């Protein structure tokens, strides 16, 4: 673990830390001092955007600071508005651990929308 230029702790081998650092030229659909948001590379809905804290936290089992979680959740409605699903509705998903389908071990929230979702998933 190291610190980036903004003083956030990052993992050098974490793909999301590298995206946040600008290593791949990823376009952010939203960013502030605490989070970045970018479209999922394998979208599962017409709108599928990831909201990722700038600081590296593996998942909820790392006991992230409540303020960090508040910043992530505060960004959700802002991203929904940017993506045009704030009025039509959207789903958020946070996979926590491999058994839940987490494949990138950097805390993140999936914001999905742009189509009606059934009740079967949750």
PDB file of N, CA and C in Angstrom:
ATOM      1  N   UNK A   1       0.866  -1.176   0.000  1.00  0.00           N
ATOM      2  CA  UNK A   1       0.000   0.000   0.000  1.00  0.00           C
ATOM      3  C   UNK A   1       0.902   1.224   0.000  1.00  0.00           C
ATOM      4  N   UNK A   2       0.495   2.226  -0.784  1.00  0.00           N
ATOM      5  CA  UNK A   2       1.229   3.487  -0.836  1.00  0.00           C
ATOM      6  C   UNK A   2       0.210   4.624  -0.859  1.00  0.00           C
ATOM      7  N   UNK A   3       0.696   5.842  -0.902  1.00  0.00           N
ATOM      8  CA  UNK A   3      -0.196   7.009  -0.983  1.00  0.00           C
ATOM      9  C   UNK A   3      -0.016   7.672  -2.334  1.00  0.00           C
ATOM     10  N   UNK A   4      -1.145   8.113  -2.902  1.00  0.00           N
ATOM     11  CA  UNK A   4      -1.066   8.823  -4.182  1.00  0.00           C
ATOM     12  C   UNK A   4      -0.786  10.304  -3.931  1.00  0.00           C
ATOM     13  N   UNK A   5      -0.778  11.086  -4.990  1.00  0.00           N
ATOM     14  CA  UNK A   5      -0.472  12.517  -4.874  1.00  0.00           C
ATOM     15  C   UNK A   5      -1.486  13.281  -4.036  1.00  0.00           C
ATOM     16  N   UNK A   6      -2.709  12.738  -3.914  1.00  0.00           N
ATOM     17  CA  UNK A   6      -3.745  13.388  -3.102  1.00  0.00           C
ATOM     18  C   UNK A   6      -3.720  12.926  -1.653  1.00  0.00           C
ATOM     19  N   UNK A   7      -2.804  12.004  -1.314  1.00  0.00           N
ATOM     20  CA  UNK A   7      -2.688  11.518   0.051  1.00  0.00           C
ATOM     21  C   UNK A   7      -3.572  10.333   0.371  1.00  0.00           C
ATOM     22  N   UNK A   8      -4.269   9.767  -0.632  1.00  0.00           N
ATOM     23  CA  UNK A   8      -5.120   8.605  -0.409  1.00  0.00           C
ATOM     24  C   UNK A   8      -4.282   7.333  -0.469  1.00  0.00           C
ATOM     25  N   UNK A   9      -4.618   6.370   0.392  1.00  0.00           N
ATOM     26  CA  UNK A   9      -3.941   5.084   0.340  1.00  0.00           C
ATOM     27  C   UNK A   9      -4.435   4.298  -0.853  1.00  0.00           C
ATOM     28  N   UNK A  10      -3.495   3.756  -1.621  1.00  0.00           N
ATOM     29  CA  UNK A  10      -3.816   2.995  -2.817  1.00  0.00           C
ATOM     30  C   UNK A  10      -2.994   1.714  -2.837  1.00  0.00           C
ATOM     31  N   UNK A  11      -3.497   0.738  -3.581  1.00  0.00           N
ATOM     32  CA  UNK A  11      -2.771  -0.513  -3.809  1.00  0.00           C
ATOM     33  C   UNK A  11      -2.217  -0.444  -5.226  1.00  0.00           C
ATOM     34  N   UNK A  12      -0.935  -0.642  -5.357  1.00  0.00           N
ATOM     35  CA  UNK A  12      -0.289  -0.512  -6.656  1.00  0.00           C
ATOM     36  C   UNK A  12      -0.780  -1.539  -7.671  1.00  0.00           C
ATOM     37  N   UNK A  13      -1.263  -2.701  -7.211  1.00  0.00           N
ATOM     38  CA  UNK A  13      -1.722  -3.740  -8.132  1.00  0.00           C
ATOM     39  C   UNK A  13      -3.245  -3.790  -8.259  1.00  0.00           C
ATOM     40  N   UNK A  14      -3.945  -2.771  -7.779  1.00  0.00           N
ATOM     41  CA  UNK A  14      -5.411  -2.717  -7.848  1.00  0.00           C
ATOM     42  C   UNK A  14      -5.826  -1.970  -9.112  1.00  0.00           C
ATOM     43  N   UNK A  15      -6.621  -2.625  -9.947  1.00  0.00           N
ATOM     44  CA  UNK A  15      -7.059  -2.016 -11.208  1.00  0.00           C
ATOM     45  C   UNK A  15      -7.846  -0.728 -10.969  1.00  0.00           C
ATOM     46  N   UNK A  16      -8.687  -0.690  -9.929  1.00  0.00           N
ATOM     47  CA  UNK A  16      -9.452   0.528  -9.666  1.00  0.00           C
ATOM     48  C   UNK A  16      -8.548   1.653  -9.165  1.00  0.00           C
ATOM     49  N   UNK A  17      -7.548   1.335  -8.350  1.00  0.00           N
ATOM     50  CA  UNK A  17      -6.595   2.369  -7.926  1.00  0.00           C
ATOM     51  C   UNK A  17      -5.866   2.940  -9.136  1.00  0.00           C
ATOM     52  N   UNK A  18      -5.547   2.077 -10.089  1.00  0.00           N
ATOM     53  CA  UNK A  18      -4.850   2.522 -11.292  1.00  0.00           C
ATOM     54  C   UNK A  18      -5.773   3.359 -12.183  1.00  0.00           C
ATOM     55  N   UNK A  19      -7.050   2.979 -12.265  1.00  0.00           N
ATOM     56  CA  UNK A  19      -8.010   3.796 -13.023  1.00  0.00           C
ATOM     57  C   UNK A  19      -8.125   5.176 -12.392  1.00  0.00           C
ATOM     58  N   UNK A  20      -8.254   5.210 -11.073  1.00  0.00           N
ATOM     59  CA  UNK A  20      -8.365   6.485 -10.355  1.00  0.00           C
ATOM     60  C   UNK A  20      -7.131   7.347 -10.589  1.00  0.00           C
ATOM     61  N   UNK A  21      -5.963   6.714 -10.654  1.00  0.00           N
ATOM     62  CA  UNK A  21      -4.707   7.440 -10.872  1.00  0.00           C
ATOM     63  C   UNK A  21      -4.567   7.949 -12.300  1.00  0.00           C
ATOM     64  N   UNK A  22      -5.449   7.510 -13.206  1.00  0.00           N
ATOM     65  CA  UNK A  22      -5.400   7.964 -14.579  1.00  0.00           C
ATOM     66  C   UNK A  22      -4.528   7.125 -15.490  1.00  0.00           C
ATOM     67  N   UNK A  23      -4.136   5.938 -15.042  1.00  0.00           N
ATOM     68  CA  UNK A  23      -3.231   5.089 -15.822  1.00  0.00           C
ATOM     69  C   UNK A  23      -3.815   4.644 -17.163  1.00  0.00           C
ATOM     70  N   UNK A  24      -5.133   4.615 -17.289  1.00  0.00           N
ATOM     71  CA  UNK A  24      -5.754   4.091 -18.504  1.00  0.00           C
ATOM     72  C   UNK A  24      -6.544   5.143 -19.278  1.00  0.00           C
ATOM     73  N   UNK A  25      -6.571   6.364 -18.805  1.00  0.00           N
ATOM     74  CA  UNK A  25      -7.316   7.413 -19.490  1.00  0.00           C
ATOM     75  C   UNK A  25      -8.822   7.219 -19.441  1.00  0.00           C
ATOM     76  N   UNK A  26      -9.293   6.536 -18.419  1.00  0.00           N
ATOM     77  CA  UNK A  26     -10.728   6.277 -18.260  1.00  0.00           C
ATOM     78  C   UNK A  26     -11.483   7.587 -18.087  1.00  0.00           C
ATOM     79  N   UNK A  27     -12.587   7.727 -18.806  1.00  0.00           N
ATOM     80  CA  UNK A  27     -13.443   8.898 -18.644  1.00  0.00           C
ATOM     81  C   UNK A  27     -14.300   8.735 -17.402  1.00  0.00           C
ATOM     82  N   UNK A  28     -14.251   9.714 -16.533  1.00  0.00           N
ATOM     83  CA  UNK A  28     -15.094   9.704 -15.347  1.00  0.00           C
ATOM     84  C   UNK A  28     -16.403  10.421 -15.672  1.00  0.00           C
ATOM     85  N   UNK A  29     -17.518   9.792 -15.337  1.00  0.00           N
ATOM     86  CA  UNK A  29     -18.810  10.446 -15.539  1.00  0.00           C
ATOM     87  C   UNK A  29     -19.133  11.374 -14.373  1.00  0.00           C
ATOM     88  N   UNK A  30     -18.423  11.151 -13.250  1.00  0.00           N
ATOM     89  CA  UNK A  30     -18.572  12.000 -12.074  1.00  0.00           C
ATOM     90  C   UNK A  30     -17.309  11.832 -11.247  1.00  0.00           C
ATOM     91  N   UNK A  31     -16.895  12.899 -10.605  1.00  0.00           N
ATOM     92  CA  UNK A  31     -15.814  12.791  -9.623  1.00  0.00           C
ATOM     93  C   UNK A  31     -15.911  13.950  -8.651  1.00  0.00           C
ATOM     94  N   UNK A  32     -15.466  13.684  -7.438  1.00  0.00           N
ATOM     95  CA  UNK A  32     -15.330  14.721  -6.436  1.00  0.00           C
ATOM     96  C   UNK A  32     -14.084  14.387  -5.617  1.00  0.00           C
ATOM     97  N   UNK A  33     -13.923  15.002  -4.476  1.00  0.00           N
ATOM     98  CA  UNK A  33     -12.717  14.778  -3.674  1.00  0.00           C
ATOM     99  C   UNK A  33     -12.641  13.374  -3.085  1.00  0.00           C
ATOM    100  N   UNK A  34     -13.748  12.636  -3.079  1.00  0.00           N
ATOM    101  CA  UNK A  34     -13.800  11.350  -2.375  1.00  0.00           C
ATOM    102  C   UNK A  34     -14.047  10.140  -3.259  1.00  0.00           C
ATOM    103  N   UNK A  35     -14.723  10.333  -4.393  1.00  0.00           N
ATOM    104  CA  UNK A  35     -15.092   9.212  -5.253  1.00  0.00           C
ATOM    105  C   UNK A  35     -14.896   9.575  -6.722  1.00  0.00           C
ATOM    106  N   UNK A  36     -14.825   8.530  -7.533  1.00  0.00           N
ATOM    107  CA  UNK A  36     -14.926   8.681  -8.984  1.00  0.00           C
ATOM    108  C   UNK A  36     -16.004   7.716  -9.457  1.00  0.00           C
ATOM    109  N   UNK A  37     -16.588   8.007 -10.590  1.00  0.00           N
ATOM    110  CA  UNK A  37     -17.584   7.126 -11.194  1.00  0.00           C
ATOM    111  C   UNK A  37     -17.261   6.980 -12.670  1.00  0.00           C
ATOM    112  N   UNK A  38     -17.333   5.741 -13.141  1.00  0.00           N
ATOM    113  CA  UNK A  38     -17.054   5.457 -14.546  1.00  0.00           C
ATOM    114  C   UNK A  38     -17.921   4.291 -14.987  1.00  0.00           C
ATOM    115  N   UNK A  39     -18.160   4.214 -16.282  1.00  0.00           N
ATOM    116  CA  UNK A  39     -19.023   3.167 -16.809  1.00  0.00           C
ATOM    117  C   UNK A  39     -18.334   1.806 -16.738  1.00  0.00           C
ATOM    118  N   UNK A  40     -19.116   0.789 -16.410  1.00  0.00           N
ATOM    119  CA  UNK A  40     -18.624  -0.582 -16.322  1.00  0.00           C
ATOM    120  C   UNK A  40     -18.180  -1.059 -17.700  1.00  0.00           C
ATOM    121  N   UNK A  41     -17.081  -1.772 -17.756  1.00  0.00           N
ATOM    122  CA  UNK A  41     -16.547  -2.265 -19.025  1.00  0.00           C
ATOM    123  C   UNK A  41     -17.414  -3.379 -19.619  1.00  0.00           C
ATOM    124  N   UNK A  42     -18.194  -4.059 -18.779  1.00  0.00           N
ATOM    125  CA  UNK A  42     -19.110  -5.119 -19.236  1.00  0.00           C
ATOM    126  C   UNK A  42     -20.504  -4.831 -18.699  1.00  0.00           C
ATOM    127  N   UNK A  43     -21.174  -3.838 -19.271  1.00  0.00           N
ATOM    128  CA  UNK A  43     -22.459  -3.397 -18.706  1.00  0.00           C
ATOM    129  C   UNK A  43     -23.525  -4.483 -18.729  1.00  0.00           C
ATOM    130  N   UNK A  44     -24.288  -4.540 -17.651  1.00  0.00           N
ATOM    131  CA  UNK A  44     -25.388  -5.492 -17.494  1.00  0.00           C
ATOM    132  C   UNK A  44     -26.746  -4.810 -17.649  1.00  0.00           C
ATOM    133  N   UNK A  45     -26.725  -3.519 -17.978  1.00  0.00           N
ATOM    134  CA  UNK A  45     -27.943  -2.730 -18.186  1.00  0.00           C
ATOM    135  C   UNK A  45     -27.547  -1.546 -19.071  1.00  0.00           C
ATOM    136  N   UNK A  46     -28.523  -0.857 -19.657  1.00  0.00           N
ATOM    137  CA  UNK A  46     -28.181   0.305 -20.483  1.00  0.00           C
ATOM    138  C   UNK A  46     -27.329   1.337 -19.734  1.00  0.00           C
ATOM    139  N   UNK A  47     -27.612   1.532 -18.469  1.00  0.00           N
ATOM    140  CA  UNK A  47     -26.763   2.349 -17.601  1.00  0.00           C
ATOM    141  C   UNK A  47     -26.157   1.411 -16.575  1.00  0.00           C
ATOM    142  N   UNK A  48     -24.842   1.351 -16.545  1.00  0.00           N
ATOM    143  CA  UNK A  48     -24.142   0.522 -15.559  1.00  0.00           C
ATOM    144  C   UNK A  48     -22.842   1.245 -15.226  1.00  0.00           C
ATOM    145  N   UNK A  49     -22.877   1.978 -14.140  1.00  0.00           N
ATOM    146  CA  UNK A  49     -21.781   2.844 -13.734  1.00  0.00           C
ATOM    147  C   UNK A  49     -21.280   2.419 -12.360  1.00  0.00           C
ATOM    148  N   UNK A  50     -19.970   2.437 -12.190  1.00  0.00           N
ATOM    149  CA  UNK A  50     -19.349   2.079 -10.911  1.00  0.00           C
ATOM    150  C   UNK A  50     -18.995   3.344 -10.156  1.00  0.00           C
ATOM    151  N   UNK A  51     -19.291   3.347  -8.869  1.00  0.00           N
ATOM    152  CA  UNK A  51     -18.947   4.457  -7.988  1.00  0.00           C
ATOM    153  C   UNK A  51     -17.910   3.913  -7.012  1.00  0.00           C
ATOM    154  N   UNK A  52     -16.709   4.518  -7.046  1.00  0.00           N
ATOM    155  CA  UNK A  52     -15.541   3.950  -6.387  1.00  0.00           C
ATOM    156  C   UNK A  52     -14.874   4.998  -5.495  1.00  0.00           C
ATOM    157  N   UNK A  53     -14.642   4.693  -4.228  1.00  0.00           N
ATOM    158  CA  UNK A  53     -13.911   5.653  -3.399  1.00  0.00           C
ATOM    159  C   UNK A  53     -12.460   5.784  -3.851  1.00  0.00           C
ATOM    160  N   UNK A  54     -11.903   6.963  -3.704  1.00  0.00           N
ATOM    161  CA  UNK A  54     -10.514   7.203  -4.097  1.00  0.00           C
ATOM    162  C   UNK A  54      -9.539   6.450  -3.195  1.00  0.00           C
ATOM    163  N   UNK A  55      -9.909   6.203  -1.973  1.00  0.00           N
ATOM    164  CA  UNK A  55      -9.049   5.468  -1.040  1.00  0.00           C
ATOM    165  C   UNK A  55      -9.303   3.973  -1.225  1.00  0.00           C
ATOM    166  N   UNK A  56      -8.260   3.180  -1.133  1.00  0.00           N
ATOM    167  CA  UNK A  56      -8.413   1.737  -1.308  1.00  0.00           C
ATOM    168  C   UNK A  56      -8.960   1.102  -0.031  1.00  0.00           C
ATOM    169  N   UNK A  57     -10.125   0.505  -0.167  1.00  0.00           N
ATOM    170  CA  UNK A  57     -10.755  -0.319   0.861  1.00  0.00           C
ATOM    171  C   UNK A  57     -11.232  -1.553   0.119  1.00  0.00           C
ATOM    172  N   UNK A  58     -10.880  -2.740   0.611  1.00  0.00           N
ATOM    173  CA  UNK A  58     -11.225  -3.950  -0.133  1.00  0.00           C
ATOM    174  C   UNK A  58     -12.730  -4.155  -0.224  1.00  0.00           C
ATOM    175  N   UNK A  59     -13.409  -4.122   0.905  1.00  0.00           N
ATOM    176  CA  UNK A  59     -14.866  -4.268   0.929  1.00  0.00           C
ATOM    177  C   UNK A  59     -15.355  -3.884   2.317  1.00  0.00           C
ATOM    178  N   UNK A  60     -16.603  -4.159   2.600  1.00  0.00           N
ATOM    179  CA  UNK A  60     -17.181  -3.740   3.884  1.00  0.00           C
ATOM    180  C   UNK A  60     -16.541  -4.435   5.079  1.00  0.00           C
ATOM    181  N   UNK A  61     -15.916  -5.582   4.852  1.00  0.00           N
ATOM    182  CA  UNK A  61     -15.240  -6.286   5.946  1.00  0.00           C
ATOM    183  C   UNK A  61     -13.973  -5.568   6.399  1.00  0.00           C
ATOM    184  N   UNK A  62     -13.512  -4.589   5.643  1.00  0.00           N
ATOM    185  CA  UNK A  62     -12.373  -3.759   6.053  1.00  0.00           C
ATOM    186  C   UNK A  62     -12.811  -2.659   7.028  1.00  0.00           C
ATOM    187  N   UNK A  63     -14.099  -2.658   7.388  1.00  0.00           N
ATOM    188  CA  UNK A  63     -14.650  -1.648   8.298  1.00  0.00           C
ATOM    189  C   UNK A  63     -14.309  -0.228   7.856  1.00  0.00           C
ATOM    190  N   UNK A  64     -14.754   0.144   6.646  1.00  0.00           N
ATOM    191  CA  UNK A  64     -14.439   1.496   6.167  1.00  0.00           C
ATOM    192  C   UNK A  64     -15.037   2.562   7.066  1.00  0.00           C
ATOM    193  N   UNK A  65     -14.384   3.684   7.079  1.00  0.00           N
ATOM    194  CA  UNK A  65     -14.832   4.831   7.842  1.00  0.00           C
ATOM    195  C   UNK A  65     -16.262   5.182   7.431  1.00  0.00           C
ATOM    196  N   UNK A  66     -17.160   5.411   8.379  1.00  0.00           N
ATOM    197  CA  UNK A  66     -18.535   5.780   8.027  1.00  0.00           C
ATOM    198  C   UNK A  66     -18.609   7.024   7.139  1.00  0.00           C
ATOM    199  N   UNK A  67     -17.679   7.942   7.298  1.00  0.00           N
ATOM    200  CA  UNK A  67     -17.674   9.129   6.447  1.00  0.00           C
ATOM    201  C   UNK A  67     -17.383   8.745   4.993  1.00  0.00           C
ATOM    202  N   UNK A  68     -16.487   7.786   4.784  1.00  0.00           N
ATOM    203  CA  UNK A  68     -16.205   7.298   3.435  1.00  0.00           C
ATOM    204  C   UNK A  68     -17.460   6.708   2.817  1.00  0.00           C
ATOM    205  N   UNK A  69     -18.166   5.878   3.569  1.00  0.00           N
ATOM    206  CA  UNK A  69     -19.408   5.286   3.060  1.00  0.00           C
ATOM    207  C   UNK A  69     -20.441   6.368   2.771  1.00  0.00           C
ATOM    208  N   UNK A  70     -20.501   7.373   3.618  1.00  0.00           N
ATOM    209  CA  UNK A  70     -21.416   8.487   3.383  1.00  0.00           C
ATOM    210  C   UNK A  70     -21.089   9.223   2.092  1.00  0.00           C
ATOM    211  N   UNK A  71     -19.813   9.392   1.820  1.00  0.00           N
ATOM    212  CA  UNK A  71     -19.405  10.054   0.577  1.00  0.00           C
ATOM    213  C   UNK A  71     -19.763   9.220  -0.640  1.00  0.00           C
ATOM    214  N   UNK A  72     -19.593   7.904  -0.542  1.00  0.00           N
ATOM    215  CA  UNK A  72     -19.970   7.018  -1.647  1.00  0.00           C
ATOM    216  C   UNK A  72     -21.474   7.123  -1.888  1.00  0.00           C
ATOM    217  N   UNK A  73     -22.259   7.019  -0.816  1.00  0.00           N
ATOM    218  CA  UNK A  73     -23.711   7.052  -0.980  1.00  0.00           C
ATOM    219  C   UNK A  73     -24.218   8.431  -1.381  1.00  0.00           C
ATOM    220  N   UNK A  74     -23.539   9.484  -0.979  1.00  0.00           N
ATOM    221  CA  UNK A  74     -23.932  10.833  -1.411  1.00  0.00           C
ATOM    222  C   UNK A  74     -23.729  10.996  -2.913  1.00  0.00           C
ATOM    223  N   UNK A  75     -22.751  10.299  -3.465  1.00  0.00           N
ATOM    224  CA  UNK A  75     -22.470  10.404  -4.897  1.00  0.00           C
ATOM    225  C   UNK A  75     -23.490   9.650  -5.745  1.00  0.00           C
ATOM    226  N   UNK A  76     -24.162   8.675  -5.183  1.00  0.00           N
ATOM    227  CA  UNK A  76     -25.067   7.831  -5.972  1.00  0.00           C
ATOM    228  C   UNK A  76     -26.134   8.659  -6.683  1.00  0.00           C
ATOM    229  N   UNK A  77     -26.832   9.504  -5.962  1.00  0.00           N
ATOM    230  CA  UNK A  77     -27.901  10.281  -6.604  1.00  0.00           C
ATOM    231  C   UNK A  77     -27.344  11.279  -7.614  1.00  0.00           C
ATOM    232  N   UNK A  78     -26.140  11.773  -7.379  1.00  0.00           N
ATOM    233  CA  UNK A  78     -25.510  12.691  -8.339  1.00  0.00           C
ATOM    234  C   UNK A  78     -25.181  11.957  -9.630  1.00  0.00           C
ATOM    235  N   UNK A  79     -24.655  10.740  -9.514  1.00  0.00           N
ATOM    236  CA  UNK A  79     -24.335   9.945 -10.699  1.00  0.00           C
ATOM    237  C   UNK A  79     -25.622   9.565 -11.430  1.00  0.00           C
ATOM    238  N   UNK A  80     -26.662   9.191 -10.678  1.00  0.00           N
ATOM    239  CA  UNK A  80     -27.943   8.848 -11.303  1.00  0.00           C
ATOM    240  C   UNK A  80     -28.470  10.016 -12.128  1.00  0.00           C
ATOM    241  N   UNK A  81     -28.307  11.215 -11.614  1.00  0.00           N
ATOM    242  CA  UNK A  81     -28.762  12.399 -12.355  1.00  0.00           C
ATOM    243  C   UNK A  81     -27.929  12.595 -13.616  1.00  0.00           C
ATOM    244  N   UNK A  82     -26.601  12.477 -13.499  1.00  0.00           N
ATOM    245  CA  UNK A  82     -25.727  12.611 -14.663  1.00  0.00           C
ATOM    246  C   UNK A  82     -26.093  11.582 -15.731  1.00  0.00           C
ATOM    247  N   UNK A  83     -26.411  10.364 -15.314  1.00  0.00           N
ATOM    248  CA  UNK A  83     -26.711   9.283 -16.251  1.00  0.00           C
ATOM    249  C   UNK A  83     -28.169   9.292 -16.712  1.00  0.00           C
ATOM    250  N   UNK A  84     -28.984  10.196 -16.166  1.00  0.00           N
ATOM    251  CA  UNK A  84     -30.361  10.354 -16.626  1.00  0.00           C
ATOM    252  C   UNK A  84     -31.338   9.315 -16.111  1.00  0.00           C
ATOM    253  N   UNK A  85     -31.028   8.674 -14.989  1.00  0.00           N
ATOM    254  CA  UNK A  85     -31.945   7.672 -14.437  1.00  0.00           C
ATOM    255  C   UNK A  85     -32.494   8.076 -13.065  1.00  0.00           C
ATOM    256  N   UNK A  86     -32.253   9.317 -12.676  1.00  0.00           N
ATOM    257  CA  UNK A  86     -32.707   9.763 -11.358  1.00  0.00           C
ATOM    258  C   UNK A  86     -34.221   9.767 -11.232  1.00  0.00           C
ATOM    259  N   UNK A  87     -34.937  10.019 -12.319  1.00  0.00           N
ATOM    260  CA  UNK A  87     -36.396  10.059 -12.266  1.00  0.00           C
ATOM    261  C   UNK A  87     -37.037   8.712 -12.600  1.00  0.00           C
ATOM    262  N   UNK A  88     -36.418   7.965 -13.484  1.00  0.00           N
ATOM    263  CA  UNK A  88     -37.000   6.681 -13.916  1.00  0.00           C
ATOM    264  C   UNK A  88     -36.735   5.552 -12.931  1.00  0.00           C
ATOM    265  N   UNK A  89     -35.696   5.699 -12.131  1.00  0.00           N
ATOM    266  CA  UNK A  89     -35.353   4.682 -11.143  1.00  0.00           C
ATOM    267  C   UNK A  89     -34.073   3.948 -11.512  1.00  0.00           C
ATOM    268  N   UNK A  90     -33.423   3.422 -10.498  1.00  0.00           N
ATOM    269  CA  UNK A  90     -32.160   2.720 -10.685  1.00  0.00           C
ATOM    270  C   UNK A  90     -31.961   1.743  -9.533  1.00  0.00           C
ATOM    271  N   UNK A  91     -31.071   0.822  -9.749  1.00  0.00           N
ATOM    272  CA  UNK A  91     -30.727  -0.177  -8.737  1.00  0.00           C
ATOM    273  C   UNK A  91     -29.257   0.018  -8.383  1.00  0.00           C
ATOM    274  N   UNK A  92     -28.926  -0.133  -7.103  1.00  0.00           N
ATOM    275  CA  UNK A  92     -27.529  -0.128  -6.688  1.00  0.00           C
ATOM    276  C   UNK A  92     -27.219  -1.488  -6.083  1.00  0.00           C
ATOM    277  N   UNK A  93     -26.008  -1.961  -6.380  1.00  0.00           N
ATOM    278  CA  UNK A  93     -25.563  -3.266  -5.885  1.00  0.00           C
ATOM    279  C   UNK A  93     -24.142  -3.100  -5.375  1.00  0.00           C
ATOM    280  N   UNK A  94     -23.862  -3.701  -4.240  1.00  0.00           N
ATOM    281  CA  UNK A  94     -22.500  -3.727  -3.715  1.00  0.00           C
ATOM    282  C   UNK A  94     -22.186  -5.179  -3.387  1.00  0.00           C
ATOM    283  N   UNK A  95     -21.323  -5.790  -4.189  1.00  0.00           N
ATOM    284  CA  UNK A  95     -20.903  -7.176  -3.951  1.00  0.00           C
ATOM    285  C   UNK A  95     -19.787  -7.164  -2.917  1.00  0.00           C
ATOM    286  N   UNK A  96     -19.932  -7.988  -1.901  1.00  0.00           N
ATOM    287  CA  UNK A  96     -18.991  -7.979  -0.783  1.00  0.00           C
ATOM    288  C   UNK A  96     -18.367  -9.356  -0.626  1.00  0.00           C
ATOM    289  N   UNK A  97     -17.204  -9.550  -1.229  1.00  0.00           N
ATOM    290  CA  UNK A  97     -16.501 -10.820  -1.150  1.00  0.00           C
ATOM    291  C   UNK A  97     -16.744 -11.684  -2.376  1.00  0.00           C
ATOM    292  N   UNK A  98     -15.838 -12.632  -2.585  1.00  0.00           N
ATOM    293  CA  UNK A  98     -15.889 -13.485  -3.776  1.00  0.00           C
ATOM    294  C   UNK A  98     -17.199 -14.263  -3.874  1.00  0.00           C
ATOM    295  N   UNK A  99     -17.713 -14.737  -2.750  1.00  0.00           N
ATOM    296  CA  UNK A  99     -18.955 -15.501  -2.755  1.00  0.00           C
ATOM    297  C   UNK A  99     -20.161 -14.694  -3.208  1.00  0.00           C
ATOM    298  N   UNK A 100     -20.060 -13.371  -3.128  1.00  0.00           N
ATOM    299  CA  UNK A 100     -21.146 -12.493  -3.571  1.00  0.00           C
ATOM    300  C   UNK A 100     -20.929 -11.995  -4.988  1.00  0.00           C
ATOM    301  N   UNK A 101     -19.817 -12.404  -5.601  1.00  0.00           N
ATOM    302  CA  UNK A 101     -19.542 -11.986  -6.968  1.00  0.00           C
ATOM    303  C   UNK A 101     -18.580 -10.826  -7.094  1.00  0.00           C
ATOM    304  N   UNK A 102     -17.956 -10.409  -5.992  1.00  0.00           N
ATOM    305  CA  UNK A 102     -16.980  -9.331  -6.092  1.00  0.00           C
ATOM    306  C   UNK A 102     -15.752  -9.855  -6.840  1.00  0.00           C
ATOM    307  N   UNK A 103     -15.386  -9.190  -7.940  1.00  0.00           N
ATOM    308  CA  UNK A 103     -14.229  -9.616  -8.729  1.00  0.00           C
ATOM    309  C   UNK A 103     -13.083  -8.624  -8.653  1.00  0.00           C
ATOM    310  N   UNK A 104     -13.374  -7.368  -8.350  1.00  0.00           N
ATOM    311  CA  UNK A 104     -12.334  -6.375  -8.108  1.00  0.00           C
ATOM    312  C   UNK A 104     -12.419  -6.025  -6.628  1.00  0.00           C
ATOM    313  N   UNK A 105     -11.343  -6.290  -5.908  1.00  0.00           N
ATOM    314  CA  UNK A 105     -11.377  -6.135  -4.464  1.00  0.00           C
ATOM    315  C   UNK A 105     -10.951  -4.734  -4.041  1.00  0.00           C
ATOM    316  N   UNK A 106     -11.787  -3.796  -4.484  1.00  0.00           N
ATOM    317  CA  UNK A 106     -11.750  -2.381  -4.107  1.00  0.00           C
ATOM    318  C   UNK A 106     -13.226  -2.020  -3.981  1.00  0.00           C
ATOM    319  N   UNK A 107     -13.640  -1.599  -2.817  1.00  0.00           N
ATOM    320  CA  UNK A 107     -15.043  -1.283  -2.562  1.00  0.00           C
ATOM    321  C   UNK A 107     -15.622  -0.456  -3.710  1.00  0.00           C
ATOM    322  N   UNK A 108     -16.788  -0.847  -4.190  1.00  0.00           N
ATOM    323  CA  UNK A 108     -17.460  -0.079  -5.231  1.00  0.00           C
ATOM    324  C   UNK A 108     -18.940  -0.434  -5.248  1.00  0.00           C
ATOM    325  N   UNK A 109     -19.714   0.476  -5.793  1.00  0.00           N
ATOM    326  CA  UNK A 109     -21.157   0.304  -5.916  1.00  0.00           C
ATOM    327  C   UNK A 109     -21.505   0.347  -7.397  1.00  0.00           C
ATOM    328  N   UNK A 110     -22.315  -0.615  -7.824  1.00  0.00           N
ATOM    329  CA  UNK A 110     -22.828  -0.624  -9.194  1.00  0.00           C
ATOM    330  C   UNK A 110     -24.139   0.148  -9.202  1.00  0.00           C
ATOM    331  N   UNK A 111     -24.266   1.141 -10.080  1.00  0.00           N
ATOM    332  CA  UNK A 111     -25.521   1.846 -10.302  1.00  0.00           C
ATOM    333  C   UNK A 111     -26.015   1.387 -11.664  1.00  0.00           C
ATOM    334  N   UNK A 112     -27.211   0.801 -11.679  1.00  0.00           N
ATOM    335  CA  UNK A 112     -27.753   0.246 -12.916  1.00  0.00           C
ATOM    336  C   UNK A 112     -29.152   0.798 -13.160  1.00  0.00           C
ATOM    337  N   UNK A 113     -29.441   1.079 -14.408  1.00  0.00           N
ATOM    338  CA  UNK A 113     -30.752   1.595 -14.758  1.00  0.00           C
ATOM    339  C   UNK A 113     -30.919   1.660 -16.260  1.00  0.00           C
ATOM    340  N   UNK A 114     -31.945   2.386 -16.679  1.00  0.00           N
ATOM    341  CA  UNK A 114     -32.217   2.533 -18.101  1.00  0.00           C
ATOM    342  C   UNK A 114     -33.144   1.484 -18.665  1.00  0.00           C
ATOM    343  N   UNK A 115     -33.635   0.604 -17.810  1.00  0.00           N
ATOM    344  CA  UNK A 115     -34.621  -0.408 -18.204  1.00  0.00           C
ATOM    345  C   UNK A 115     -35.343  -0.830 -16.944  1.00  0.00           C
ATOM    346  N   UNK A 116     -36.539  -1.378 -17.086  1.00  0.00           N
ATOM    347  CA  UNK A 116     -37.252  -1.877 -15.904  1.00  0.00           C
ATOM    348  C   UNK A 116     -36.570  -3.154 -15.383  1.00  0.00           C
ATOM    349  N   UNK A 117     -36.482  -3.258 -14.073  1.00  0.00           N
ATOM    350  CA  UNK A 117     -35.953  -4.457 -13.435  1.00  0.00           C
ATOM    351  C   UNK A 117     -37.100  -5.217 -12.783  1.00  0.00           C
ATOM    352  N   UNK A 118     -37.033  -6.514 -12.818  1.00  0.00           N
ATOM    353  CA  UNK A 118     -38.026  -7.330 -12.135  1.00  0.00           C
ATOM    354  C   UNK A 118     -37.755  -7.396 -10.650  1.00  0.00           C
ATOM    355  N   UNK A 119     -38.685  -7.979  -9.934  1.00  0.00           N
ATOM    356  CA  UNK A 119     -38.535  -8.103  -8.497  1.00  0.00           C
ATOM    357  C   UNK A 119     -37.755  -9.341  -8.085  1.00  0.00           C
ATOM    358  N   UNK A 120     -37.432 -10.211  -9.020  1.00  0.00           N
ATOM    359  CA  UNK A 120     -36.836 -11.488  -8.685  1.00  0.00           C
ATOM    360  C   UNK A 120     -35.442 -11.444  -8.092  1.00  0.00           C
ATOM    361  N   UNK A 121     -34.651 -10.435  -8.440  1.00  0.00           N
ATOM    362  CA  UNK A 121     -33.274 -10.420  -7.978  1.00  0.00           C
ATOM    363  C   UNK A 121     -33.165 -10.014  -6.522  1.00  0.00           C
ATOM    364  N   UNK A 122     -33.880  -9.020  -6.123  1.00  0.00           N
ATOM    365  CA  UNK A 122     -33.859  -8.597  -4.725  1.00  0.00           C
ATOM    366  C   UNK A 122     -35.239  -8.161  -4.271  1.00  0.00           C
TER     367      UNK A 122
END
